[in-house]
Amino acid sequence: MRRRSLSRLKQVAAINARVFAAFVFGALAWLLWPSSVEWWQFFVFSGLMIAGAVSFLSDAIWRCLQLYEHDKAVAEFRIIGGDPKSSDVASNETLKKAGMIK
């Protein structure tokens, strides 16, 4: 159970990191946007930053949707089945009575 929560923590951290990266790239694109055509080279850099921001943001949204779908599927499976129960079929006492172990 603890391993699953750690995996969930990693997934949420990855989503947050991508949203932060999208914000940083967007801020850099805004800062690099030139005020005149004379600095046309900055249009290229700013465009690349915008593309990176859109890429990071779309990836973060996609991961959020995947995480939501996974949680929804797990909830559906939990509704269908009951809690797991231990079986007496393979207990130590049963194996001793069957002569399989001493």
PDB file of N, CA and C in Angstrom:
ATOM      1  N   MET A   1       0.820  -1.188   0.000  1.00  0.00           N
ATOM      2  CA  MET A   1       0.000   0.000   0.000  1.00  0.00           C
ATOM      3  C   MET A   1       0.865   1.254   0.000  1.00  0.00           C
ATOM      4  N   ARG A   2       1.945   1.241   0.725  1.00  0.00           N
ATOM      5  CA  ARG A   2       2.808   2.417   0.804  1.00  0.00           C
ATOM      6  C   ARG A   2       3.493   2.691  -0.532  1.00  0.00           C
ATOM      7  N   ARG A   3       3.827   1.632  -1.245  1.00  0.00           N
ATOM      8  CA  ARG A   3       4.493   1.802  -2.533  1.00  0.00           C
ATOM      9  C   ARG A   3       3.582   2.509  -3.533  1.00  0.00           C
ATOM     10  N   ARG A   4       2.306   2.174  -3.499  1.00  0.00           N
ATOM     11  CA  ARG A   4       1.363   2.785  -4.422  1.00  0.00           C
ATOM     12  C   ARG A   4       1.234   4.281  -4.149  1.00  0.00           C
ATOM     13  N   SER A   5       1.198   4.663  -2.874  1.00  0.00           N
ATOM     14  CA  SER A   5       1.072   6.077  -2.554  1.00  0.00           C
ATOM     15  C   SER A   5       2.331   6.847  -2.974  1.00  0.00           C
ATOM     16  N   LEU A   6       3.496   6.209  -2.875  1.00  0.00           N
ATOM     17  CA  LEU A   6       4.722   6.856  -3.328  1.00  0.00           C
ATOM     18  C   LEU A   6       4.676   7.065  -4.837  1.00  0.00           C
ATOM     19  N   SER A   7       4.150   6.086  -5.550  1.00  0.00           N
ATOM     20  CA  SER A   7       4.014   6.228  -6.994  1.00  0.00           C
ATOM     21  C   SER A   7       3.055   7.374  -7.321  1.00  0.00           C
ATOM     22  N   ARG A   8       1.992   7.472  -6.562  1.00  0.00           N
ATOM     23  CA  ARG A   8       1.033   8.568  -6.771  1.00  0.00           C
ATOM     24  C   ARG A   8       1.694   9.914  -6.489  1.00  0.00           C
ATOM     25  N   LEU A   9       2.511   9.953  -5.449  1.00  0.00           N
ATOM     26  CA  LEU A   9       3.229  11.185  -5.124  1.00  0.00           C
ATOM     27  C   LEU A   9       4.160  11.579  -6.266  1.00  0.00           C
ATOM     28  N   LYS A  10       4.826  10.600  -6.856  1.00  0.00           N
ATOM     29  CA  LYS A  10       5.707  10.884  -7.993  1.00  0.00           C
ATOM     30  C   LYS A  10       4.911  11.411  -9.185  1.00  0.00           C
ATOM     31  N   GLN A  11       3.736  10.831  -9.418  1.00  0.00           N
ATOM     32  CA  GLN A  11       2.915  11.285 -10.536  1.00  0.00           C
ATOM     33  C   GLN A  11       2.448  12.723 -10.334  1.00  0.00           C
ATOM     34  N   VAL A  12       2.008  13.034  -9.129  1.00  0.00           N
ATOM     35  CA  VAL A  12       1.552  14.397  -8.842  1.00  0.00           C
ATOM     36  C   VAL A  12       2.721  15.377  -8.924  1.00  0.00           C
ATOM     37  N   ALA A  13       3.891  14.963  -8.428  1.00  0.00           N
ATOM     38  CA  ALA A  13       5.070  15.831  -8.512  1.00  0.00           C
ATOM     39  C   ALA A  13       5.465  16.073  -9.968  1.00  0.00           C
ATOM     40  N   ALA A  14       5.355  15.045 -10.806  1.00  0.00           N
ATOM     41  CA  ALA A  14       5.677  15.209 -12.227  1.00  0.00           C
ATOM     42  C   ALA A  14       4.704  16.175 -12.899  1.00  0.00           C
ATOM     43  N   ILE A  15       3.430  16.092 -12.545  1.00  0.00           N
ATOM     44  CA  ILE A  15       2.441  17.020 -13.103  1.00  0.00           C
ATOM     45  C   ILE A  15       2.752  18.446 -12.665  1.00  0.00           C
ATOM     46  N   ASN A  16       3.037  18.612 -11.377  1.00  0.00           N
ATOM     47  CA  ASN A  16       3.350  19.955 -10.869  1.00  0.00           C
ATOM     48  C   ASN A  16       4.622  20.514 -11.500  1.00  0.00           C
ATOM     49  N   ALA A  17       5.618  19.663 -11.723  1.00  0.00           N
ATOM     50  CA  ALA A  17       6.861  20.114 -12.355  1.00  0.00           C
ATOM     51  C   ALA A  17       6.600  20.580 -13.780  1.00  0.00           C
ATOM     52  N   ARG A  18       5.731  19.881 -14.497  1.00  0.00           N
ATOM     53  CA  ARG A  18       5.427  20.280 -15.870  1.00  0.00           C
ATOM     54  C   ARG A  18       4.632  21.591 -15.923  1.00  0.00           C
ATOM     55  N   VAL A  19       3.727  21.772 -14.974  1.00  0.00           N
ATOM     56  CA  VAL A  19       2.989  23.042 -14.924  1.00  0.00           C
ATOM     57  C   VAL A  19       3.945  24.188 -14.595  1.00  0.00           C
ATOM     58  N   PHE A  20       4.871  23.955 -13.671  1.00  0.00           N
ATOM     59  CA  PHE A  20       5.856  24.983 -13.334  1.00  0.00           C
ATOM     60  C   PHE A  20       6.749  25.293 -14.535  1.00  0.00           C
ATOM     61  N   ALA A  21       7.181  24.253 -15.261  1.00  0.00           N
ATOM     62  CA  ALA A  21       8.014  24.470 -16.446  1.00  0.00           C
ATOM     63  C   ALA A  21       7.244  25.253 -17.509  1.00  0.00           C
ATOM     64  N   ALA A  22       5.952  24.958 -17.663  1.00  0.00           N
ATOM     65  CA  ALA A  22       5.136  25.711 -18.623  1.00  0.00           C
ATOM     66  C   ALA A  22       5.057  27.179 -18.219  1.00  0.00           C
ATOM     67  N   PHE A  23       4.917  27.434 -16.920  1.00  0.00           N
ATOM     68  CA  PHE A  23       4.885  28.821 -16.446  1.00  0.00           C
ATOM     69  C   PHE A  23       6.211  29.527 -16.722  1.00  0.00           C
ATOM     70  N   VAL A  24       7.330  28.843 -16.443  1.00  0.00           N
ATOM     71  CA  VAL A  24       8.653  29.446 -16.660  1.00  0.00           C
ATOM     72  C   VAL A  24       8.866  29.738 -18.143  1.00  0.00           C
ATOM     73  N   PHE A  25       8.535  28.780 -18.993  1.00  0.00           N
ATOM     74  CA  PHE A  25       8.704  28.992 -20.430  1.00  0.00           C
ATOM     75  C   PHE A  25       7.800  30.120 -20.925  1.00  0.00           C
ATOM     76  N   GLY A  26       6.578  30.188 -20.416  1.00  0.00           N
ATOM     77  CA  GLY A  26       5.674  31.269 -20.804  1.00  0.00           C
ATOM     78  C   GLY A  26       6.182  32.628 -20.351  1.00  0.00           C
ATOM     79  N   ALA A  27       6.723  32.684 -19.132  1.00  0.00           N
ATOM     80  CA  ALA A  27       7.274  33.947 -18.629  1.00  0.00           C
ATOM     81  C   ALA A  27       8.489  34.371 -19.446  1.00  0.00           C
ATOM     82  N   LEU A  28       9.344  33.408 -19.794  1.00  0.00           N
ATOM     83  CA  LEU A  28      10.502  33.739 -20.626  1.00  0.00           C
ATOM     84  C   LEU A  28      10.073  34.207 -22.017  1.00  0.00           C
ATOM     85  N   ALA A  29       9.038  33.576 -22.557  1.00  0.00           N
ATOM     86  CA  ALA A  29       8.538  34.009 -23.868  1.00  0.00           C
ATOM     87  C   ALA A  29       8.022  35.439 -23.795  1.00  0.00           C
ATOM     88  N   TRP A  30       7.332  35.762 -22.716  1.00  0.00           N
ATOM     89  CA  TRP A  30       6.820  37.122 -22.553  1.00  0.00           C
ATOM     90  C   TRP A  30       7.964  38.125 -22.385  1.00  0.00           C
ATOM     91  N   LEU A  31       8.986  37.733 -21.613  1.00  0.00           N
ATOM     92  CA  LEU A  31      10.122  38.633 -21.407  1.00  0.00           C
ATOM     93  C   LEU A  31      10.948  38.834 -22.679  1.00  0.00           C
ATOM     94  N   LEU A  32      11.056  37.791 -23.494  1.00  0.00           N
ATOM     95  CA  LEU A  32      11.875  37.878 -24.703  1.00  0.00           C
ATOM     96  C   LEU A  32      11.145  38.500 -25.891  1.00  0.00           C
ATOM     97  N   TRP A  33       9.830  38.696 -25.776  1.00  0.00           N
ATOM     98  CA  TRP A  33       9.081  39.246 -26.899  1.00  0.00           C
ATOM     99  C   TRP A  33       9.572  40.666 -27.186  1.00  0.00           C
ATOM    100  N   PRO A  34      10.073  40.911 -28.400  1.00  0.00           N
ATOM    101  CA  PRO A  34      10.654  42.232 -28.696  1.00  0.00           C
ATOM    102  C   PRO A  34       9.575  43.296 -28.893  1.00  0.00           C
ATOM    103  N   SER A  35       9.988  44.529 -28.629  1.00  0.00           N
ATOM    104  CA  SER A  35       9.053  45.651 -28.788  1.00  0.00           C
ATOM    105  C   SER A  35       9.104  46.240 -30.196  1.00  0.00           C
ATOM    106  N   SER A  36      10.136  45.910 -30.959  1.00  0.00           N
ATOM    107  CA  SER A  36      10.227  46.424 -32.329  1.00  0.00           C
ATOM    108  C   SER A  36      10.721  45.312 -33.250  1.00  0.00           C
ATOM    109  N   VAL A  37      10.535  45.532 -34.536  1.00  0.00           N
ATOM    110  CA  VAL A  37      10.914  44.531 -35.533  1.00  0.00           C
ATOM    111  C   VAL A  37      12.428  44.446 -35.688  1.00  0.00           C
ATOM    112  N   GLU A  38      13.136  45.455 -35.255  1.00  0.00           N
ATOM    113  CA  GLU A  38      14.594  45.444 -35.369  1.00  0.00           C
ATOM    114  C   GLU A  38      15.209  44.259 -34.617  1.00  0.00           C
ATOM    115  N   TRP A  39      14.552  43.836 -33.563  1.00  0.00           N
ATOM    116  CA  TRP A  39      15.048  42.704 -32.768  1.00  0.00           C
ATOM    117  C   TRP A  39      14.302  41.432 -33.158  1.00  0.00           C
ATOM    118  N   TRP A  40      14.217  41.162 -34.440  1.00  0.00           N
ATOM    119  CA  TRP A  40      13.438  40.043 -34.944  1.00  0.00           C
ATOM    120  C   TRP A  40      13.944  38.691 -34.450  1.00  0.00           C
ATOM    121  N   GLN A  41      15.212  38.606 -34.083  1.00  0.00           N
ATOM    122  CA  GLN A  41      15.757  37.329 -33.614  1.00  0.00           C
ATOM    123  C   GLN A  41      15.043  36.854 -32.340  1.00  0.00           C
ATOM    124  N   PHE A  42      14.625  37.802 -31.536  1.00  0.00           N
ATOM    125  CA  PHE A  42      13.941  37.421 -30.308  1.00  0.00           C
ATOM    126  C   PHE A  42      12.553  36.847 -30.572  1.00  0.00           C
ATOM    127  N   PHE A  43      11.983  37.129 -31.740  1.00  0.00           N
ATOM    128  CA  PHE A  43      10.720  36.493 -32.107  1.00  0.00           C
ATOM    129  C   PHE A  43      10.907  34.982 -32.200  1.00  0.00           C
ATOM    130  N   VAL A  44      12.051  34.569 -32.739  1.00  0.00           N
ATOM    131  CA  VAL A  44      12.339  33.138 -32.869  1.00  0.00           C
ATOM    132  C   VAL A  44      12.463  32.504 -31.489  1.00  0.00           C
ATOM    133  N   PHE A  45      13.259  33.111 -30.624  1.00  0.00           N
ATOM    134  CA  PHE A  45      13.429  32.559 -29.272  1.00  0.00           C
ATOM    135  C   PHE A  45      12.111  32.556 -28.502  1.00  0.00           C
ATOM    136  N   SER A  46      11.368  33.628 -28.636  1.00  0.00           N
ATOM    137  CA  SER A  46      10.092  33.717 -27.942  1.00  0.00           C
ATOM    138  C   SER A  46       9.109  32.671 -28.471  1.00  0.00           C
ATOM    139  N   GLY A  47       9.129  32.466 -29.773  1.00  0.00           N
ATOM    140  CA  GLY A  47       8.274  31.431 -30.361  1.00  0.00           C
ATOM    141  C   GLY A  47       8.626  30.045 -29.868  1.00  0.00           C
ATOM    142  N   LEU A  48       9.924  29.771 -29.741  1.00  0.00           N
ATOM    143  CA  LEU A  48      10.344  28.475 -29.205  1.00  0.00           C
ATOM    144  C   LEU A  48       9.915  28.312 -27.748  1.00  0.00           C
ATOM    145  N   MET A  49       9.999  29.382 -26.991  1.00  0.00           N
ATOM    146  CA  MET A  49       9.562  29.327 -25.592  1.00  0.00           C
ATOM    147  C   MET A  49       8.050  29.096 -25.501  1.00  0.00           C
ATOM    148  N   ILE A  50       7.298  29.720 -26.382  1.00  0.00           N
ATOM    149  CA  ILE A  50       5.847  29.507 -26.402  1.00  0.00           C
ATOM    150  C   ILE A  50       5.534  28.057 -26.752  1.00  0.00           C
ATOM    151  N   ALA A  51       6.252  27.511 -27.732  1.00  0.00           N
ATOM    152  CA  ALA A  51       6.043  26.113 -28.103  1.00  0.00           C
ATOM    153  C   ALA A  51       6.369  25.186 -26.932  1.00  0.00           C
ATOM    154  N   GLY A  52       7.444  25.482 -26.215  1.00  0.00           N
ATOM    155  CA  GLY A  52       7.793  24.676 -25.046  1.00  0.00           C
ATOM    156  C   GLY A  52       6.748  24.775 -23.953  1.00  0.00           C
ATOM    157  N   ALA A  53       6.223  25.974 -23.720  1.00  0.00           N
ATOM    158  CA  ALA A  53       5.191  26.156 -22.693  1.00  0.00           C
ATOM    159  C   ALA A  53       3.927  25.383 -23.048  1.00  0.00           C
ATOM    160  N   VAL A  54       3.527  25.453 -24.306  1.00  0.00           N
ATOM    161  CA  VAL A  54       2.335  24.722 -24.742  1.00  0.00           C
ATOM    162  C   VAL A  54       2.562  23.218 -24.622  1.00  0.00           C
ATOM    163  N   SER A  55       3.755  22.766 -24.974  1.00  0.00           N
ATOM    164  CA  SER A  55       4.076  21.346 -24.881  1.00  0.00           C
ATOM    165  C   SER A  55       4.027  20.852 -23.435  1.00  0.00           C
ATOM    166  N   PHE A  56       4.657  21.587 -22.528  1.00  0.00           N
ATOM    167  CA  PHE A  56       4.646  21.189 -21.120  1.00  0.00           C
ATOM    168  C   PHE A  56       3.235  21.221 -20.539  1.00  0.00           C
ATOM    169  N   LEU A  57       2.471  22.238 -20.889  1.00  0.00           N
ATOM    170  CA  LEU A  57       1.125  22.357 -20.345  1.00  0.00           C
ATOM    171  C   LEU A  57       0.212  21.256 -20.875  1.00  0.00           C
ATOM    172  N   SER A  58       0.314  20.944 -22.160  1.00  0.00           N
ATOM    173  CA  SER A  58      -0.521  19.872 -22.714  1.00  0.00           C
ATOM    174  C   SER A  58      -0.133  18.521 -22.123  1.00  0.00           C
ATOM    175  N   ASP A  59       1.155  18.302 -21.875  1.00  0.00           N
ATOM    176  CA  ASP A  59       1.592  17.059 -21.245  1.00  0.00           C
ATOM    177  C   ASP A  59       1.068  16.959 -19.814  1.00  0.00           C
ATOM    178  N   ALA A  60       1.068  18.061 -19.086  1.00  0.00           N
ATOM    179  CA  ALA A  60       0.550  18.056 -17.713  1.00  0.00           C
ATOM    180  C   ALA A  60      -0.948  17.753 -17.703  1.00  0.00           C
ATOM    181  N   ILE A  61      -1.686  18.348 -18.627  1.00  0.00           N
ATOM    182  CA  ILE A  61      -3.126  18.085 -18.705  1.00  0.00           C
ATOM    183  C   ILE A  61      -3.379  16.630 -19.070  1.00  0.00           C
ATOM    184  N   TRP A  62      -2.604  16.093 -19.999  1.00  0.00           N
ATOM    185  CA  TRP A  62      -2.751  14.696 -20.402  1.00  0.00           C
ATOM    186  C   TRP A  62      -2.483  13.763 -19.218  1.00  0.00           C
ATOM    187  N   ARG A  63      -1.444  14.050 -18.437  1.00  0.00           N
ATOM    188  CA  ARG A  63      -1.140  13.221 -17.269  1.00  0.00           C
ATOM    189  C   ARG A  63      -2.237  13.322 -16.208  1.00  0.00           C
ATOM    190  N   CYS A  64      -2.822  14.497 -16.052  1.00  0.00           N
ATOM    191  CA  CYS A  64      -3.946  14.646 -15.116  1.00  0.00           C
ATOM    192  C   CYS A  64      -5.124  13.778 -15.548  1.00  0.00           C
ATOM    193  N   LEU A  65      -5.414  13.789 -16.832  1.00  0.00           N
ATOM    194  CA  LEU A  65      -6.512  12.972 -17.337  1.00  0.00           C
ATOM    195  C   LEU A  65      -6.232  11.484 -17.149  1.00  0.00           C
ATOM    196  N   GLN A  66      -4.997  11.054 -17.396  1.00  0.00           N
ATOM    197  CA  GLN A  66      -4.642   9.653 -17.185  1.00  0.00           C
ATOM    198  C   GLN A  66      -4.782   9.256 -15.724  1.00  0.00           C
ATOM    199  N   LEU A  67      -4.344  10.114 -14.825  1.00  0.00           N
ATOM    200  CA  LEU A  67      -4.450   9.836 -13.395  1.00  0.00           C
ATOM    201  C   LEU A  67      -5.914   9.762 -12.967  1.00  0.00           C
ATOM    202  N   TYR A  68      -6.741  10.638 -13.496  1.00  0.00           N
ATOM    203  CA  TYR A  68      -8.170  10.612 -13.187  1.00  0.00           C
ATOM    204  C   TYR A  68      -8.814   9.322 -13.688  1.00  0.00           C
ATOM    205  N   GLU A  69      -8.506   8.922 -14.919  1.00  0.00           N
ATOM    206  CA  GLU A  69      -9.065   7.689 -15.475  1.00  0.00           C
ATOM    207  C   GLU A  69      -8.627   6.474 -14.660  1.00  0.00           C
ATOM    208  N   HIS A  70      -7.372   6.461 -14.228  1.00  0.00           N
ATOM    209  CA  HIS A  70      -6.873   5.353 -13.416  1.00  0.00           C
ATOM    210  C   HIS A  70      -7.614   5.283 -12.085  1.00  0.00           C
ATOM    211  N   ASP A  71      -7.775   6.414 -11.435  1.00  0.00           N
ATOM    212  CA  ASP A  71      -8.484   6.443 -10.158  1.00  0.00           C
ATOM    213  C   ASP A  71      -9.941   6.026 -10.314  1.00  0.00           C
ATOM    214  N   LYS A  72     -10.555   6.425 -11.422  1.00  0.00           N
ATOM    215  CA  LYS A  72     -11.938   6.045 -11.676  1.00  0.00           C
ATOM    216  C   LYS A  72     -12.063   4.532 -11.887  1.00  0.00           C
ATOM    217  N   ALA A  73     -11.118   3.940 -12.619  1.00  0.00           N
ATOM    218  CA  ALA A  73     -11.147   2.496 -12.850  1.00  0.00           C
ATOM    219  C   ALA A  73     -10.919   1.727 -11.548  1.00  0.00           C
ATOM    220  N   VAL A  74     -10.004   2.197 -10.719  1.00  0.00           N
ATOM    221  CA  VAL A  74      -9.753   1.534  -9.434  1.00  0.00           C
ATOM    222  C   VAL A  74     -10.988   1.614  -8.549  1.00  0.00           C
ATOM    223  N   ALA A  75     -11.663   2.756  -8.538  1.00  0.00           N
ATOM    224  CA  ALA A  75     -12.880   2.901  -7.734  1.00  0.00           C
ATOM    225  C   ALA A  75     -13.974   1.955  -8.220  1.00  0.00           C
ATOM    226  N   GLU A  76     -14.089   1.772  -9.534  1.00  0.00           N
ATOM    227  CA  GLU A  76     -15.086   0.841 -10.073  1.00  0.00           C
ATOM    228  C   GLU A  76     -14.781  -0.589  -9.656  1.00  0.00           C
ATOM    229  N   PHE A  77     -13.512  -0.984  -9.668  1.00  0.00           N
ATOM    230  CA  PHE A  77     -13.146  -2.328  -9.239  1.00  0.00           C
ATOM    231  C   PHE A  77     -13.393  -2.524  -7.749  1.00  0.00           C
ATOM    232  N   ARG A  78     -13.179  -1.499  -6.955  1.00  0.00           N
ATOM    233  CA  ARG A  78     -13.424  -1.614  -5.514  1.00  0.00           C
ATOM    234  C   ARG A  78     -14.909  -1.768  -5.215  1.00  0.00           C
ATOM    235  N   ILE A  79     -15.757  -1.162  -6.026  1.00  0.00           N
ATOM    236  CA  ILE A  79     -17.198  -1.310  -5.834  1.00  0.00           C
ATOM    237  C   ILE A  79     -17.633  -2.733  -6.165  1.00  0.00           C
ATOM    238  N   ILE A  80     -17.064  -3.315  -7.216  1.00  0.00           N
ATOM    239  CA  ILE A  80     -17.458  -4.647  -7.671  1.00  0.00           C
ATOM    240  C   ILE A  80     -17.114  -5.712  -6.638  1.00  0.00           C
ATOM    241  N   GLY A  81     -15.894  -5.728  -6.172  1.00  0.00           N
ATOM    242  CA  GLY A  81     -15.439  -6.786  -5.276  1.00  0.00           C
ATOM    243  C   GLY A  81     -15.407  -6.349  -3.830  1.00  0.00           C
ATOM    244  N   GLY A  82     -15.421  -7.338  -2.960  1.00  0.00           N
ATOM    245  CA  GLY A  82     -15.311  -7.058  -1.535  1.00  0.00           C
ATOM    246  C   GLY A  82     -13.857  -7.004  -1.117  1.00  0.00           C
ATOM    247  N   ASP A  83     -13.671  -6.901   0.171  1.00  0.00           N
ATOM    248  CA  ASP A  83     -12.313  -6.884   0.700  1.00  0.00           C
ATOM    249  C   ASP A  83     -11.678  -8.264   0.562  1.00  0.00           C
ATOM    250  N   PRO A  84     -10.378  -8.342   0.326  1.00  0.00           N
ATOM    251  CA  PRO A  84      -9.719  -9.643   0.231  1.00  0.00           C
ATOM    252  C   PRO A  84      -9.709 -10.342   1.586  1.00  0.00           C
ATOM    253  N   LYS A  85      -9.872 -11.668   1.542  1.00  0.00           N
ATOM    254  CA  LYS A  85      -9.899 -12.462   2.769  1.00  0.00           C
ATOM    255  C   LYS A  85      -8.864 -13.562   2.660  1.00  0.00           C
ATOM    256  N   SER A  86      -8.314 -13.935   3.793  1.00  0.00           N
ATOM    257  CA  SER A  86      -7.332 -15.020   3.782  1.00  0.00           C
ATOM    258  C   SER A  86      -8.056 -16.357   3.673  1.00  0.00           C
ATOM    259  N   SER A  87      -7.361 -17.329   3.124  1.00  0.00           N
ATOM    260  CA  SER A  87      -7.929 -18.654   2.926  1.00  0.00           C
ATOM    261  C   SER A  87      -7.307 -19.634   3.909  1.00  0.00           C
ATOM    262  N   ASP A  88      -8.125 -20.576   4.374  1.00  0.00           N
ATOM    263  CA  ASP A  88      -7.615 -21.620   5.264  1.00  0.00           C
ATOM    264  C   ASP A  88      -7.043 -22.790   4.479  1.00  0.00           C
ATOM    265  N   VAL A  89      -7.147 -22.771   3.187  1.00  0.00           N
ATOM    266  CA  VAL A  89      -6.709 -23.890   2.361  1.00  0.00           C
ATOM    267  C   VAL A  89      -5.211 -24.135   2.518  1.00  0.00           C
ATOM    268  N   ALA A  90      -4.412 -23.098   2.571  1.00  0.00           N
ATOM    269  CA  ALA A  90      -2.962 -23.284   2.592  1.00  0.00           C
ATOM    270  C   ALA A  90      -2.345 -22.831   3.911  1.00  0.00           C
ATOM    271  N   SER A  91      -3.087 -22.939   5.025  1.00  0.00           N
ATOM    272  CA  SER A  91      -2.501 -22.562   6.307  1.00  0.00           C
ATOM    273  C   SER A  91      -1.509 -23.633   6.756  1.00  0.00           C
ATOM    274  N   ASN A  92      -0.679 -23.289   7.710  1.00  0.00           N
ATOM    275  CA  ASN A  92       0.313 -24.252   8.208  1.00  0.00           C
ATOM    276  C   ASN A  92      -0.351 -25.471   8.826  1.00  0.00           C
ATOM    277  N   GLU A  93      -1.433 -25.281   9.555  1.00  0.00           N
ATOM    278  CA  GLU A  93      -2.134 -26.414  10.178  1.00  0.00           C
ATOM    279  C   GLU A  93      -2.700 -27.352   9.121  1.00  0.00           C
ATOM    280  N   THR A  94      -3.258 -26.815   8.073  1.00  0.00           N
ATOM    281  CA  THR A  94      -3.807 -27.648   7.001  1.00  0.00           C
ATOM    282  C   THR A  94      -2.700 -28.424   6.301  1.00  0.00           C
ATOM    283  N   LEU A  95      -1.557 -27.786   6.068  1.00  0.00           N
ATOM    284  CA  LEU A  95      -0.438 -28.476   5.418  1.00  0.00           C
ATOM    285  C   LEU A  95       0.140 -29.556   6.321  1.00  0.00           C
ATOM    286  N   LYS A  96       0.172 -29.319   7.632  1.00  0.00           N
ATOM    287  CA  LYS A  96       0.660 -30.346   8.564  1.00  0.00           C
ATOM    288  C   LYS A  96      -0.282 -31.540   8.598  1.00  0.00           C
ATOM    289  N   LYS A  97      -1.584 -31.289   8.603  1.00  0.00           N
ATOM    290  CA  LYS A  97      -2.562 -32.379   8.610  1.00  0.00           C
ATOM    291  C   LYS A  97      -2.486 -33.191   7.327  1.00  0.00           C
ATOM    292  N   ALA A  98      -2.159 -32.543   6.226  1.00  0.00           N
ATOM    293  CA  ALA A  98      -2.049 -33.249   4.952  1.00  0.00           C
ATOM    294  C   ALA A  98      -0.720 -33.968   4.816  1.00  0.00           C
ATOM    295  N   GLY A  99       0.212 -33.750   5.749  1.00  0.00           N
ATOM    296  CA  GLY A  99       1.499 -34.421   5.703  1.00  0.00           C
ATOM    297  C   GLY A  99       2.486 -33.798   4.740  1.00  0.00           C
ATOM    298  N   MET A 100       2.249 -32.584   4.322  1.00  0.00           N
ATOM    299  CA  MET A 100       3.144 -31.933   3.372  1.00  0.00           C
ATOM    300  C   MET A 100       4.325 -31.276   4.060  1.00  0.00           C
ATOM    301  N   ILE A 101       4.143 -30.835   5.291  1.00  0.00           N
ATOM    302  CA  ILE A 101       5.248 -30.262   6.056  1.00  0.00           C
ATOM    303  C   ILE A 101       5.251 -30.881   7.443  1.00  0.00           C
ATOM    304  N   LYS A 102       6.377 -30.760   8.145  1.00  0.00           N
ATOM    305  CA  LYS A 102       6.477 -31.339   9.489  1.00  0.00           C
ATOM    306  C   LYS A 102       6.347 -30.293  10.545  1.00  0.00           C
TER     307      LYS A 102
END
